[in-house]
Structure formats: structure tokens, C-alpha cells
């Protein structure tokens, strides 16, 4: 589970970063960047938290309030 969260964290973070860079250079429109951030930034936040806080043993995930 933790390995999957790390992969999701890296991929979603890279997509957010790439969309910001591409919009900054004018390759893609800003509306496309905003759409990518709306979709992938919450995934990045949640997967980052779960990667840091979730243990490898059985049990509940801590409440993150997101």
C-alpha cells in the first residue's frame, strides 16, 4: 500500500510541476494547467500524507481532514 502511495505521490507531483512549467512557457493554455491542478493537486496532498503517516501494519488511517 505504501509503495502505491509513493508512486501516486511522485506521478501526481510531476504532473502538477509539468503543467505549471508548460503553462509558464506558453506551450499549454493556463486553463489546461488549472484543470490539471484541480485534478492532481488533491491526489498529491492525500498521497503525500498517507505516505508519511500510514504504517505498514493493519489498522485505520489517521484522519487528515481533507
Protein backbone atom coordinates (compact mmCIF):
# COMPACT_ATOMS: atom_id res chain seq x y z
CA UNK A 1 0.00 0.00 0.00
CA UNK A 2 2.74 2.42 0.94
CA UNK A 3 4.61 1.71 -2.31
CA UNK A 4 1.49 2.53 -4.34
CA UNK A 5 1.06 5.81 -2.44
CA UNK A 6 4.68 6.75 -3.18
CA UNK A 7 4.15 6.11 -6.88
CA UNK A 8 0.92 8.14 -6.87
CA UNK A 9 2.65 10.95 -4.96
CA UNK A 10 5.54 11.18 -7.43
CA UNK A 11 3.38 10.93 -10.55
CA UNK A 12 0.81 13.49 -9.40
CA UNK A 13 3.55 15.85 -8.22
CA UNK A 14 5.33 15.60 -11.56
CA UNK A 15 2.10 16.26 -13.44
CA UNK A 16 1.45 19.38 -11.33
CA UNK A 17 5.00 20.61 -11.86
CA UNK A 18 4.99 19.85 -15.58
CA UNK A 19 1.69 21.60 -16.15
CA UNK A 20 2.93 24.71 -14.33
CA UNK A 21 6.17 24.79 -16.32
CA UNK A 22 4.42 24.19 -19.65
CA UNK A 23 1.87 26.91 -18.93
CA UNK A 24 4.63 29.28 -17.87
CA UNK A 25 6.46 28.78 -21.14
CA UNK A 26 3.26 29.11 -23.16
CA UNK A 27 3.17 25.58 -24.54
CA UNK A 28 -0.23 24.86 -22.98
CA UNK A 29 -3.04 27.23 -22.02
CA UNK A 30 -3.47 28.28 -18.42
CA UNK A 31 -6.92 26.72 -18.32
CA UNK A 32 -5.33 23.33 -19.01
CA UNK A 33 -2.87 23.93 -16.16
CA UNK A 34 -5.73 24.87 -13.84
CA UNK A 35 -7.65 21.73 -14.81
CA UNK A 36 -4.58 19.57 -14.16
CA UNK A 37 -4.01 21.20 -10.78
CA UNK A 38 -7.65 20.79 -9.77
CA UNK A 39 -7.44 17.09 -10.55
CA UNK A 40 -3.92 16.18 -9.43
CA UNK A 41 -3.06 18.50 -6.53
CA UNK A 42 -5.55 16.89 -4.10
CA UNK A 43 -4.18 13.48 -5.11
CA UNK A 44 -0.68 14.75 -4.37
CA UNK A 45 -1.67 16.09 -0.93
CA UNK A 46 -3.54 12.96 0.14
CA UNK A 47 -0.91 10.53 -1.16
CA UNK A 48 1.87 12.55 0.48
CA UNK A 49 0.08 12.43 3.82
CA UNK A 50 -0.65 8.73 3.53
CA UNK A 51 2.96 8.01 2.58
CA UNK A 52 4.25 9.83 5.65
CA UNK A 53 1.64 8.74 8.18
CA UNK A 54 0.36 5.32 7.17
CA UNK A 55 2.06 2.36 8.74
CA UNK A 56 2.66 -0.98 7.09
CA UNK A 57 0.67 -2.87 9.72
CA UNK A 58 -3.09 -3.35 9.80
CA UNK A 59 -5.28 -0.64 11.21
CA UNK A 60 -7.04 2.59 10.48
CA UNK A 61 -5.58 5.52 8.64
CA UNK A 62 -5.35 8.69 10.70
CA UNK A 63 -7.90 11.41 9.95
CA UNK A 64 -6.42 14.05 7.63
CA UNK A 65 -9.37 16.41 7.39
CA UNK A 66 -9.04 16.95 3.65
